[in-house]
Amino acid sequence: MLTDDEMELLPTEEDVHFYREHGWYLSNRLFTDKEIDEVRESTERFYAGHRDRRLPSKPPAVAYWEPQYGDVQRHNDYIAYENATVHRILCKPLVGAVAALLMETPEARLWSSTLIHKPGRRDEPSNVVPWHIDLHHWSVCTSENLVTAFVPLHDCREEHGTLQVIDGSHNWKALPLEAGDDETQHFANRDPETLERTLERNAEYNNAELRKISLAVEKGRVSFHHCKTYHGSGPNLSGEPRRVVTVRLQDRDNEYREFRRPDGEKARYSHDELVRRTGDDRPDYSDPDYCPVVWREPYPRFAERGRR
């Protein structure tokens, strides 16, 4: 159950309508300074080598920065699994309740999480994240309703290389791929110029204006975006590291499906080698270790009662 104060922080009916129309939502202040500072301190211990528990294995596609990679943009997947403080604070029920309202589902489960450290170096090429859609990496999901929560561990402004979104792009119709392009590949494995060109072609195909919005996110607030919303980020020009945790959430109905890439190869997600199996031997995306419930509706019609 949420407290009365937490209920007041949920998105309103107008907020949910805005999210449905625009594909992103900037939340109320969901975390205190103390909570964010505690998470930040725990991530510094993580970088120093501390783990509350460790992945039993590292799947081939997992992003996992280690010190020998140097001062590049760091991505560490499964941070909510390996860091108990991140899980306790950033996956608290309030976050799940917000996501559940946006997804219009009675249950929000963790899908994945990543700790991101963008160094304060304007000349570091890895700092620029090209335009992409999260769902392209999750082609094994039956749902097209997943949501990503972008949680900065400090005030995150444009000069930090904050999140940028293409307003309303989650409602675009899909454009046939260019020859040789495979959208199911992670953006890190694709040509940035091709990604930029694909974005422009998609906008033209949908007769849509390219409305690029930089989301300045104050400490304690969270930016949520739809899994089909185009997004990326620019270089960090602030001179200080940009520290962020992304928490992705799935709706109750999401399950594994078999999906073939254009070359015929079966698509895989890192979960597929870690989670338990279902009765028909599929990866179980409700595995309580890797995809725990963050929020479940405690009484009927939560969505209606939660919207002020």
C-alpha atoms as a PDB file:
ATOM      1  CA  MET A   1       0.000   0.000   0.000  1.00  0.00           C
ATOM      2  CA  LEU A   2       1.181   3.523  -0.764  1.00  0.00           C
ATOM      3  CA  THR A   3       0.964   6.247   1.840  1.00  0.00           C
ATOM      4  CA  ASP A   4      -1.351   9.197   1.318  1.00  0.00           C
ATOM      5  CA  ASP A   5       1.683  11.371   0.536  1.00  0.00           C
ATOM      6  CA  GLU A   6       2.883   8.866  -2.074  1.00  0.00           C
ATOM      7  CA  MET A   7      -0.569   8.713  -3.655  1.00  0.00           C
ATOM      8  CA  GLU A   8      -0.335  12.457  -4.227  1.00  0.00           C
ATOM      9  CA  LEU A   9       2.861  11.896  -6.241  1.00  0.00           C
ATOM     10  CA  LEU A  10       1.209   9.581  -8.790  1.00  0.00           C
ATOM     11  CA  PRO A  11       0.507  10.856 -12.301  1.00  0.00           C
ATOM     12  CA  THR A  12      -2.894  12.412 -12.770  1.00  0.00           C
ATOM     13  CA  GLU A  13      -5.345  11.443 -15.474  1.00  0.00           C
ATOM     14  CA  GLU A  14      -4.049  14.416 -17.462  1.00  0.00           C
ATOM     15  CA  ASP A  15      -0.459  13.188 -16.964  1.00  0.00           C
ATOM     16  CA  VAL A  16      -1.332   9.738 -18.281  1.00  0.00           C
ATOM     17  CA  HIS A  17      -3.064  11.313 -21.279  1.00  0.00           C
ATOM     18  CA  PHE A  18       0.067  13.415 -21.911  1.00  0.00           C
ATOM     19  CA  TYR A  19       2.220  10.275 -21.785  1.00  0.00           C
ATOM     20  CA  ARG A  20      -0.080   8.492 -24.237  1.00  0.00           C
ATOM     21  CA  GLU A  21       0.131  11.429 -26.632  1.00  0.00           C
ATOM     22  CA  HIS A  22       3.808  12.358 -26.287  1.00  0.00           C
ATOM     23  CA  GLY A  23       5.556   9.113 -25.233  1.00  0.00           C
ATOM     24  CA  TRP A  24       7.305  10.553 -22.183  1.00  0.00           C
ATOM     25  CA  TYR A  25       6.464  11.867 -18.710  1.00  0.00           C
ATOM     26  CA  LEU A  26       8.480  13.832 -16.146  1.00  0.00           C
ATOM     27  CA  SER A  27       7.395  12.731 -12.685  1.00  0.00           C
ATOM     28  CA  ASN A  28       6.892  14.490  -9.409  1.00  0.00           C
ATOM     29  CA  ARG A  29       9.711  14.195  -6.882  1.00  0.00           C
ATOM     30  CA  LEU A  30       9.675  10.471  -6.147  1.00  0.00           C
ATOM     31  CA  PHE A  31      12.923  10.359  -4.127  1.00  0.00           C
ATOM     32  CA  THR A  32      14.386  12.431  -1.325  1.00  0.00           C
ATOM     33  CA  ASP A  33      17.911  13.819  -1.492  1.00  0.00           C
ATOM     34  CA  LYS A  34      18.859  11.297   1.198  1.00  0.00           C
ATOM     35  CA  GLU A  35      17.636   8.387  -0.936  1.00  0.00           C
ATOM     36  CA  ILE A  36      19.451   9.549  -4.064  1.00  0.00           C
ATOM     37  CA  ASP A  37      22.655  10.235  -2.105  1.00  0.00           C
ATOM     38  CA  GLU A  38      22.471   6.735  -0.615  1.00  0.00           C
ATOM     39  CA  VAL A  39      22.134   5.230  -4.088  1.00  0.00           C
ATOM     40  CA  ARG A  40      25.026   7.317  -5.378  1.00  0.00           C
ATOM     41  CA  GLU A  41      27.290   6.227  -2.507  1.00  0.00           C
ATOM     42  CA  SER A  42      26.361   2.587  -3.131  1.00  0.00           C
ATOM     43  CA  THR A  43      27.291   2.907  -6.821  1.00  0.00           C
ATOM     44  CA  GLU A  44      30.704   4.284  -5.877  1.00  0.00           C
ATOM     45  CA  ARG A  45      31.227   1.155  -3.754  1.00  0.00           C
ATOM     46  CA  PHE A  46      30.072  -0.886  -6.743  1.00  0.00           C
ATOM     47  CA  TYR A  47      32.728   0.720  -8.955  1.00  0.00           C
ATOM     48  CA  ALA A  48      35.275  -0.037  -6.222  1.00  0.00           C
ATOM     49  CA  GLY A  49      34.393  -3.733  -6.484  1.00  0.00           C
ATOM     50  CA  HIS A  50      31.632  -4.332  -3.915  1.00  0.00           C
ATOM     51  CA  ARG A  51      28.750  -6.644  -4.887  1.00  0.00           C
ATOM     52  CA  ASP A  52      25.850  -7.662  -2.656  1.00  0.00           C
ATOM     53  CA  ARG A  53      25.434 -10.636  -4.982  1.00  0.00           C
ATOM     54  CA  ARG A  54      26.917 -11.512  -8.343  1.00  0.00           C
ATOM     55  CA  LEU A  55      25.473 -12.710 -11.591  1.00  0.00           C
ATOM     56  CA  PRO A  56      26.088 -16.466 -11.884  1.00  0.00           C
ATOM     57  CA  SER A  57      27.350 -15.810 -15.410  1.00  0.00           C
ATOM     58  CA  LYS A  58      27.639 -12.888 -17.822  1.00  0.00           C
ATOM     59  CA  PRO A  59      25.627 -13.466 -21.005  1.00  0.00           C
ATOM     60  CA  PRO A  60      27.431 -12.461 -24.211  1.00  0.00           C
ATOM     61  CA  ALA A  61      25.200  -9.441 -24.853  1.00  0.00           C
ATOM     62  CA  VAL A  62      25.358  -7.996 -21.344  1.00  0.00           C
ATOM     63  CA  ALA A  63      26.893  -4.511 -20.891  1.00  0.00           C
ATOM     64  CA  TYR A  64      29.371  -4.668 -18.039  1.00  0.00           C
ATOM     65  CA  TRP A  65      32.052  -1.973 -17.686  1.00  0.00           C
ATOM     66  CA  GLU A  66      35.229  -2.921 -15.843  1.00  0.00           C
ATOM     67  CA  PRO A  67      38.203  -0.680 -14.883  1.00  0.00           C
ATOM     68  CA  GLN A  68      40.438  -1.969 -17.663  1.00  0.00           C
ATOM     69  CA  TYR A  69      38.052  -0.415 -20.211  1.00  0.00           C
ATOM     70  CA  GLY A  70      39.191   3.048 -19.139  1.00  0.00           C
ATOM     71  CA  ASP A  71      37.446   6.407 -18.843  1.00  0.00           C
ATOM     72  CA  VAL A  72      34.693   5.794 -21.394  1.00  0.00           C
ATOM     73  CA  GLN A  73      30.946   5.830 -20.898  1.00  0.00           C
ATOM     74  CA  ARG A  74      30.224   3.022 -18.437  1.00  0.00           C
ATOM     75  CA  HIS A  75      27.202   0.736 -18.659  1.00  0.00           C
ATOM     76  CA  ASN A  76      26.605  -1.943 -16.028  1.00  0.00           C
ATOM     77  CA  ASP A  77      23.514  -4.050 -16.562  1.00  0.00           C
ATOM     78  CA  TYR A  78      21.764  -5.887 -13.722  1.00  0.00           C
ATOM     79  CA  ILE A  79      22.696  -3.185 -11.210  1.00  0.00           C
ATOM     80  CA  ALA A  80      19.428  -3.775  -9.315  1.00  0.00           C
ATOM     81  CA  TYR A  81      20.372  -7.455  -9.043  1.00  0.00           C
ATOM     82  CA  GLU A  82      23.938  -6.926  -7.842  1.00  0.00           C
ATOM     83  CA  ASN A  83      23.358  -3.822  -5.699  1.00  0.00           C
ATOM     84  CA  ALA A  84      20.800  -4.182  -2.896  1.00  0.00           C
ATOM     85  CA  THR A  85      20.587  -0.422  -2.249  1.00  0.00           C
ATOM     86  CA  VAL A  86      19.676   0.330  -5.860  1.00  0.00           C
ATOM     87  CA  HIS A  87      16.982  -2.346  -5.757  1.00  0.00           C
ATOM     88  CA  ARG A  88      15.541  -1.239  -2.411  1.00  0.00           C
ATOM     89  CA  ILE A  89      15.311   2.457  -3.282  1.00  0.00           C
ATOM     90  CA  LEU A  90      14.929   2.750  -7.051  1.00  0.00           C
ATOM     91  CA  CYS A  91      12.572  -0.243  -7.318  1.00  0.00           C
ATOM     92  CA  LYS A  92      10.332   0.803  -4.453  1.00  0.00           C
ATOM     93  CA  PRO A  93       6.556   0.375  -4.918  1.00  0.00           C
ATOM     94  CA  LEU A  94       5.982   4.054  -5.723  1.00  0.00           C
ATOM     95  CA  VAL A  95       8.116   3.747  -8.869  1.00  0.00           C
ATOM     96  CA  GLY A  96       6.216   0.636  -9.910  1.00  0.00           C
ATOM     97  CA  ALA A  97       2.883   2.317  -9.253  1.00  0.00           C
ATOM     98  CA  VAL A  98       3.786   5.249 -11.525  1.00  0.00           C
ATOM     99  CA  ALA A  99       4.894   2.846 -14.256  1.00  0.00           C
ATOM    100  CA  ALA A 100       1.732   0.760 -13.823  1.00  0.00           C
ATOM    101  CA  LEU A 101      -0.456   3.809 -14.352  1.00  0.00           C
ATOM    102  CA  LEU A 102       1.472   4.809 -17.472  1.00  0.00           C
ATOM    103  CA  MET A 103       1.297   1.266 -18.853  1.00  0.00           C
ATOM    104  CA  GLU A 104      -2.310   0.882 -17.662  1.00  0.00           C
ATOM    105  CA  THR A 105      -1.599  -2.482 -16.096  1.00  0.00           C
ATOM    106  CA  PRO A 106      -2.412  -3.897 -12.628  1.00  0.00           C
ATOM    107  CA  GLU A 107       1.168  -5.131 -12.170  1.00  0.00           C
ATOM    108  CA  ALA A 108       4.609  -3.719 -12.941  1.00  0.00           C
ATOM    109  CA  ARG A 109       7.615  -6.041 -12.881  1.00  0.00           C
ATOM    110  CA  LEU A 110      11.259  -5.142 -13.226  1.00  0.00           C
ATOM    111  CA  TRP A 111      12.496  -5.811 -16.742  1.00  0.00           C
ATOM    112  CA  SER A 112      16.101  -4.636 -16.541  1.00  0.00           C
ATOM    113  CA  SER A 113      18.358  -2.016 -14.975  1.00  0.00           C
ATOM    114  CA  THR A 114      21.617  -0.298 -15.905  1.00  0.00           C
ATOM    115  CA  LEU A 115      24.067   1.925 -14.054  1.00  0.00           C
ATOM    116  CA  ILE A 116      25.439   4.586 -16.439  1.00  0.00           C
ATOM    117  CA  HIS A 117      28.427   6.869 -15.909  1.00  0.00           C
ATOM    118  CA  LYS A 118      29.103   9.404 -18.648  1.00  0.00           C
ATOM    119  CA  PRO A 119      32.532  11.050 -18.055  1.00  0.00           C
ATOM    120  CA  GLY A 120      32.762  14.827 -18.142  1.00  0.00           C
ATOM    121  CA  ARG A 121      34.847  14.844 -21.314  1.00  0.00           C
ATOM    122  CA  ARG A 122      33.405  16.558 -24.346  1.00  0.00           C
ATOM    123  CA  ASP A 123      35.839  14.770 -26.663  1.00  0.00           C
ATOM    124  CA  GLU A 124      34.857  11.232 -25.564  1.00  0.00           C
ATOM    125  CA  PRO A 125      33.006   9.654 -28.537  1.00  0.00           C
ATOM    126  CA  SER A 126      31.263   7.005 -26.397  1.00  0.00           C
ATOM    127  CA  ASN A 127      29.388   9.810 -24.605  1.00  0.00           C
ATOM    128  CA  VAL A 128      27.070  10.338 -27.572  1.00  0.00           C
ATOM    129  CA  VAL A 129      24.174   7.862 -27.620  1.00  0.00           C
ATOM    130  CA  PRO A 130      22.541   7.773 -31.090  1.00  0.00           C
ATOM    131  CA  TRP A 131      18.793   7.793 -31.673  1.00  0.00           C
ATOM    132  CA  HIS A 132      17.194   4.424 -30.985  1.00  0.00           C
ATOM    133  CA  ILE A 133      14.084   2.658 -29.687  1.00  0.00           C
ATOM    134  CA  ASP A 134      14.280   0.364 -26.656  1.00  0.00           C
ATOM    135  CA  LEU A 135      11.765  -2.103 -28.067  1.00  0.00           C
ATOM    136  CA  HIS A 136      14.139  -2.925 -30.938  1.00  0.00           C
ATOM    137  CA  HIS A 137      16.426  -4.549 -28.353  1.00  0.00           C
ATOM    138  CA  TRP A 138      13.501  -6.423 -26.787  1.00  0.00           C
ATOM    139  CA  SER A 139      12.088  -8.175 -29.837  1.00  0.00           C
ATOM    140  CA  VAL A 140      11.624 -11.304 -27.706  1.00  0.00           C
ATOM    141  CA  CYS A 141       8.864  -9.543 -25.708  1.00  0.00           C
ATOM    142  CA  THR A 142       5.194 -10.068 -26.477  1.00  0.00           C
ATOM    143  CA  SER A 143       4.370  -6.622 -25.065  1.00  0.00           C
ATOM    144  CA  GLU A 144       4.963  -3.292 -26.791  1.00  0.00           C
ATOM    145  CA  ASN A 145       4.066  -1.375 -23.640  1.00  0.00           C
ATOM    146  CA  LEU A 146       7.264  -1.462 -21.548  1.00  0.00           C
ATOM    147  CA  VAL A 147       8.483   1.763 -19.968  1.00  0.00           C
ATOM    148  CA  THR A 148      11.959   3.045 -19.055  1.00  0.00           C
ATOM    149  CA  ALA A 149      12.606   5.180 -15.969  1.00  0.00           C
ATOM    150  CA  PHE A 150      15.624   7.510 -16.282  1.00  0.00           C
ATOM    151  CA  VAL A 151      16.835   8.310 -12.718  1.00  0.00           C
ATOM    152  CA  PRO A 152      19.700  10.826 -12.454  1.00  0.00           C
ATOM    153  CA  LEU A 153      21.728  10.824  -9.240  1.00  0.00           C
ATOM    154  CA  HIS A 154      22.038  14.637  -9.385  1.00  0.00           C
ATOM    155  CA  ASP A 155      20.406  17.518 -11.228  1.00  0.00           C
ATOM    156  CA  CYS A 156      20.759  16.486 -14.871  1.00  0.00           C
ATOM    157  CA  ARG A 157      20.746  19.377 -17.336  1.00  0.00           C
ATOM    158  CA  GLU A 158      21.386  19.704 -21.054  1.00  0.00           C
ATOM    159  CA  GLU A 159      25.104  20.346 -20.558  1.00  0.00           C
ATOM    160  CA  HIS A 160      25.385  16.934 -18.828  1.00  0.00           C
ATOM    161  CA  GLY A 161      24.209  15.197 -21.984  1.00  0.00           C
ATOM    162  CA  THR A 162      20.798  14.490 -20.530  1.00  0.00           C
ATOM    163  CA  LEU A 163      18.131  12.333 -22.137  1.00  0.00           C
ATOM    164  CA  GLN A 164      16.645  13.611 -25.382  1.00  0.00           C
ATOM    165  CA  VAL A 165      13.397  12.290 -26.837  1.00  0.00           C
ATOM    166  CA  ILE A 166      11.535  12.652 -30.124  1.00  0.00           C
ATOM    167  CA  ASP A 167       8.141  13.873 -29.014  1.00  0.00           C
ATOM    168  CA  GLY A 168       5.267  11.611 -30.075  1.00  0.00           C
ATOM    169  CA  SER A 169       7.465   9.144 -31.977  1.00  0.00           C
ATOM    170  CA  HIS A 170       6.040   6.152 -30.062  1.00  0.00           C
ATOM    171  CA  ASN A 171       2.887   6.531 -32.171  1.00  0.00           C
ATOM    172  CA  TRP A 172       4.696   6.339 -35.513  1.00  0.00           C
ATOM    173  CA  LYS A 173       4.038   3.492 -37.917  1.00  0.00           C
ATOM    174  CA  ALA A 174       7.058   1.305 -38.585  1.00  0.00           C
ATOM    175  CA  LEU A 175       9.047   1.997 -41.736  1.00  0.00           C
ATOM    176  CA  PRO A 176      10.497  -0.879 -43.810  1.00  0.00           C
ATOM    177  CA  LEU A 177      14.203  -1.292 -43.064  1.00  0.00           C
ATOM    178  CA  GLU A 178      16.952  -0.211 -45.389  1.00  0.00           C
ATOM    179  CA  ALA A 179      18.875  -3.056 -46.989  1.00  0.00           C
ATOM    180  CA  GLY A 180      21.367  -4.529 -44.549  1.00  0.00           C
ATOM    181  CA  ASP A 181      20.031  -2.717 -41.469  1.00  0.00           C
ATOM    182  CA  ASP A 182      18.868  -4.801 -38.519  1.00  0.00           C
ATOM    183  CA  GLU A 183      16.950  -2.827 -35.905  1.00  0.00           C
ATOM    184  CA  THR A 184      17.025  -5.752 -33.478  1.00  0.00           C
ATOM    185  CA  GLN A 185      20.724  -5.113 -32.883  1.00  0.00           C
ATOM    186  CA  HIS A 186      21.756  -2.929 -29.960  1.00  0.00           C
ATOM    187  CA  PHE A 187      22.522   0.672 -30.955  1.00  0.00           C
ATOM    188  CA  ALA A 188      26.146   0.175 -29.869  1.00  0.00           C
ATOM    189  CA  ASN A 189      26.512  -2.387 -32.663  1.00  0.00           C
ATOM    190  CA  ARG A 190      24.965  -0.216 -35.378  1.00  0.00           C
ATOM    191  CA  ASP A 191      26.233   2.713 -37.427  1.00  0.00           C
ATOM    192  CA  PRO A 192      25.208   6.069 -35.833  1.00  0.00           C
ATOM    193  CA  GLU A 193      24.758   7.674 -39.252  1.00  0.00           C
ATOM    194  CA  THR A 194      22.395   4.881 -40.265  1.00  0.00           C
ATOM    195  CA  LEU A 195      20.434   5.391 -37.049  1.00  0.00           C
ATOM    196  CA  GLU A 196      20.152   9.133 -37.721  1.00  0.00           C
ATOM    197  CA  ARG A 197      19.048   8.471 -41.288  1.00  0.00           C
ATOM    198  CA  THR A 198      16.489   5.891 -40.121  1.00  0.00           C
ATOM    199  CA  LEU A 199      15.013   8.423 -37.689  1.00  0.00           C
ATOM    200  CA  GLU A 200      14.689  11.037 -40.433  1.00  0.00           C
ATOM    201  CA  ARG A 201      13.147   8.529 -42.847  1.00  0.00           C
ATOM    202  CA  ASN A 202      10.662   7.400 -40.192  1.00  0.00           C
ATOM    203  CA  ALA A 203       9.602  10.982 -39.520  1.00  0.00           C
ATOM    204  CA  GLU A 204       9.126  11.597 -43.248  1.00  0.00           C
ATOM    205  CA  TYR A 205       7.225   8.323 -43.667  1.00  0.00           C
ATOM    206  CA  ASN A 206       4.839   9.368 -40.877  1.00  0.00           C
ATOM    207  CA  ASN A 207       4.607  12.965 -42.114  1.00  0.00           C
ATOM    208  CA  ALA A 208       5.747  13.967 -38.625  1.00  0.00           C
ATOM    209  CA  GLU A 209       7.773  16.876 -37.343  1.00  0.00           C
ATOM    210  CA  LEU A 210      11.064  15.970 -35.630  1.00  0.00           C
ATOM    211  CA  ARG A 211      10.455  17.565 -32.237  1.00  0.00           C
ATOM    212  CA  LYS A 212      13.638  16.925 -30.254  1.00  0.00           C
ATOM    213  CA  ILE A 213      13.224  17.618 -26.530  1.00  0.00           C
ATOM    214  CA  SER A 214      16.027  17.678 -23.952  1.00  0.00           C
ATOM    215  CA  LEU A 215      14.674  16.590 -20.576  1.00  0.00           C
ATOM    216  CA  ALA A 216      16.250  18.505 -17.713  1.00  0.00           C
ATOM    217  CA  VAL A 217      15.590  16.265 -14.703  1.00  0.00           C
ATOM    218  CA  GLU A 218      15.961  17.601 -11.185  1.00  0.00           C
ATOM    219  CA  LYS A 219      17.441  15.387  -8.485  1.00  0.00           C
ATOM    220  CA  GLY A 220      14.689  13.168  -7.088  1.00  0.00           C
ATOM    221  CA  ARG A 221      12.484  13.353 -10.166  1.00  0.00           C
ATOM    222  CA  VAL A 222      12.281  10.672 -12.852  1.00  0.00           C
ATOM    223  CA  SER A 223      11.779  10.772 -16.599  1.00  0.00           C
ATOM    224  CA  PHE A 224       9.676   7.910 -17.984  1.00  0.00           C
ATOM    225  CA  HIS A 225       9.553   7.096 -21.691  1.00  0.00           C
ATOM    226  CA  HIS A 226       7.675   4.548 -23.784  1.00  0.00           C
ATOM    227  CA  CYS A 227       9.621   1.644 -25.268  1.00  0.00           C
ATOM    228  CA  LYS A 228       8.793   2.858 -28.804  1.00  0.00           C
ATOM    229  CA  THR A 229       9.883   6.469 -28.205  1.00  0.00           C
ATOM    230  CA  TYR A 230      13.022   7.482 -30.110  1.00  0.00           C
ATOM    231  CA  HIS A 231      15.635   8.781 -27.687  1.00  0.00           C
ATOM    232  CA  GLY A 232      19.364   9.381 -27.299  1.00  0.00           C
ATOM    233  CA  SER A 233      21.772  11.796 -25.643  1.00  0.00           C
ATOM    234  CA  GLY A 234      24.547  14.198 -26.551  1.00  0.00           C
ATOM    235  CA  PRO A 235      28.043  14.752 -25.136  1.00  0.00           C
ATOM    236  CA  ASN A 236      28.659  15.640 -21.521  1.00  0.00           C
ATOM    237  CA  LEU A 237      29.922  19.243 -21.577  1.00  0.00           C
ATOM    238  CA  SER A 238      29.577  19.902 -17.846  1.00  0.00           C
ATOM    239  CA  GLY A 239      33.097  18.905 -16.785  1.00  0.00           C
ATOM    240  CA  GLU A 240      31.680  16.478 -14.214  1.00  0.00           C
ATOM    241  CA  PRO A 241      30.440  12.892 -14.640  1.00  0.00           C
ATOM    242  CA  ARG A 242      26.798  12.308 -15.471  1.00  0.00           C
ATOM    243  CA  ARG A 243      25.523   9.528 -13.171  1.00  0.00           C
ATOM    244  CA  VAL A 244      22.235   7.810 -13.960  1.00  0.00           C
ATOM    245  CA  VAL A 245      20.418   4.551 -13.275  1.00  0.00           C
ATOM    246  CA  THR A 246      17.834   3.383 -15.797  1.00  0.00           C
ATOM    247  CA  VAL A 247      15.099   1.087 -14.490  1.00  0.00           C
ATOM    248  CA  ARG A 248      12.899  -0.580 -17.127  1.00  0.00           C
ATOM    249  CA  LEU A 249       9.551  -2.029 -16.186  1.00  0.00           C
ATOM    250  CA  GLN A 250       7.293  -4.530 -17.911  1.00  0.00           C
ATOM    251  CA  ASP A 251       3.525  -4.920 -17.711  1.00  0.00           C
ATOM    252  CA  ARG A 252       1.815  -7.983 -16.246  1.00  0.00           C
ATOM    253  CA  ASP A 253       1.119  -9.629 -19.612  1.00  0.00           C
ATOM    254  CA  ASN A 254       4.641  -9.516 -21.026  1.00  0.00           C
ATOM    255  CA  GLU A 255       6.118 -12.923 -21.887  1.00  0.00           C
ATOM    256  CA  TYR A 256       8.859 -14.443 -24.018  1.00  0.00           C
ATOM    257  CA  ARG A 257       8.210 -15.045 -27.700  1.00  0.00           C
ATOM    258  CA  GLU A 258      10.489 -16.520 -30.308  1.00  0.00           C
ATOM    259  CA  PHE A 259      11.649 -13.897 -32.802  1.00  0.00           C
ATOM    260  CA  ARG A 260      13.884 -14.355 -35.825  1.00  0.00           C
ATOM    261  CA  ARG A 261      16.289 -11.683 -37.049  1.00  0.00           C
ATOM    262  CA  PRO A 262      16.345 -10.784 -40.773  1.00  0.00           C
ATOM    263  CA  ASP A 263      19.168 -13.300 -41.292  1.00  0.00           C
ATOM    264  CA  GLY A 264      17.072 -16.065 -39.721  1.00  0.00           C
ATOM    265  CA  GLU A 265      19.003 -16.204 -36.444  1.00  0.00           C
ATOM    266  CA  LYS A 266      16.920 -16.458 -33.294  1.00  0.00           C
ATOM    267  CA  ALA A 267      16.926 -13.180 -31.329  1.00  0.00           C
ATOM    268  CA  ARG A 268      18.097 -13.407 -27.726  1.00  0.00           C
ATOM    269  CA  TYR A 269      18.063 -11.158 -24.685  1.00  0.00           C
ATOM    270  CA  SER A 270      20.515 -11.493 -21.802  1.00  0.00           C
ATOM    271  CA  HIS A 271      17.673 -12.685 -19.520  1.00  0.00           C
ATOM    272  CA  ASP A 272      17.229 -15.783 -21.628  1.00  0.00           C
ATOM    273  CA  GLU A 273      20.382 -17.377 -20.173  1.00  0.00           C
ATOM    274  CA  LEU A 274      19.656 -16.359 -16.574  1.00  0.00           C
ATOM    275  CA  VAL A 275      15.960 -16.637 -15.740  1.00  0.00           C
ATOM    276  CA  ARG A 276      14.149 -19.844 -14.850  1.00  0.00           C
ATOM    277  CA  ARG A 277      12.185 -21.731 -17.514  1.00  0.00           C
ATOM    278  CA  THR A 278       8.441 -21.986 -17.954  1.00  0.00           C
ATOM    279  CA  GLY A 279       6.611 -25.314 -18.172  1.00  0.00           C
ATOM    280  CA  ASP A 280       6.986 -25.274 -21.963  1.00  0.00           C
ATOM    281  CA  ASP A 281      10.727 -24.486 -21.652  1.00  0.00           C
ATOM    282  CA  ARG A 282      10.620 -20.786 -22.501  1.00  0.00           C
ATOM    283  CA  PRO A 283      12.506 -18.092 -20.541  1.00  0.00           C
ATOM    284  CA  ASP A 284      10.262 -16.929 -17.697  1.00  0.00           C
ATOM    285  CA  TYR A 285      10.067 -13.130 -17.626  1.00  0.00           C
ATOM    286  CA  SER A 286       8.325 -13.265 -14.248  1.00  0.00           C
ATOM    287  CA  ASP A 287      11.338 -14.876 -12.551  1.00  0.00           C
ATOM    288  CA  PRO A 288      11.346 -13.336  -9.039  1.00  0.00           C
ATOM    289  CA  ASP A 289      15.150 -13.065  -8.937  1.00  0.00           C
ATOM    290  CA  TYR A 290      15.619 -11.107 -12.166  1.00  0.00           C
ATOM    291  CA  CYS A 291      12.122  -9.751 -12.916  1.00  0.00           C
ATOM    292  CA  PRO A 292      10.512  -9.245  -9.495  1.00  0.00           C
ATOM    293  CA  VAL A 293       7.168  -7.545  -9.008  1.00  0.00           C
ATOM    294  CA  VAL A 294       7.742  -3.872  -8.170  1.00  0.00           C
ATOM    295  CA  TRP A 295       4.076  -3.024  -7.845  1.00  0.00           C
ATOM    296  CA  ARG A 296       0.846  -5.023  -7.832  1.00  0.00           C
ATOM    297  CA  GLU A 297      -2.616  -3.500  -7.633  1.00  0.00           C
ATOM    298  CA  PRO A 298      -3.740  -3.935  -3.992  1.00  0.00           C
ATOM    299  CA  TYR A 299      -7.432  -3.444  -4.690  1.00  0.00           C
ATOM    300  CA  PRO A 300      -9.722  -3.209  -7.722  1.00  0.00           C
ATOM    301  CA  ARG A 301      -9.622  -0.178  -9.979  1.00  0.00           C
ATOM    302  CA  PHE A 302      -6.319   1.171  -8.634  1.00  0.00           C
ATOM    303  CA  ALA A 303      -5.711   3.058 -11.868  1.00  0.00           C
ATOM    304  CA  GLU A 304      -8.916   5.030 -11.566  1.00  0.00           C
ATOM    305  CA  ARG A 305      -8.435   5.745  -7.862  1.00  0.00           C
ATOM    306  CA  GLY A 306      -4.804   6.705  -8.361  1.00  0.00           C
ATOM    307  CA  ARG A 307      -5.544   9.442 -10.851  1.00  0.00           C
ATOM    308  CA  ARG A 308      -6.363  12.729  -9.215  1.00  0.00           C
END
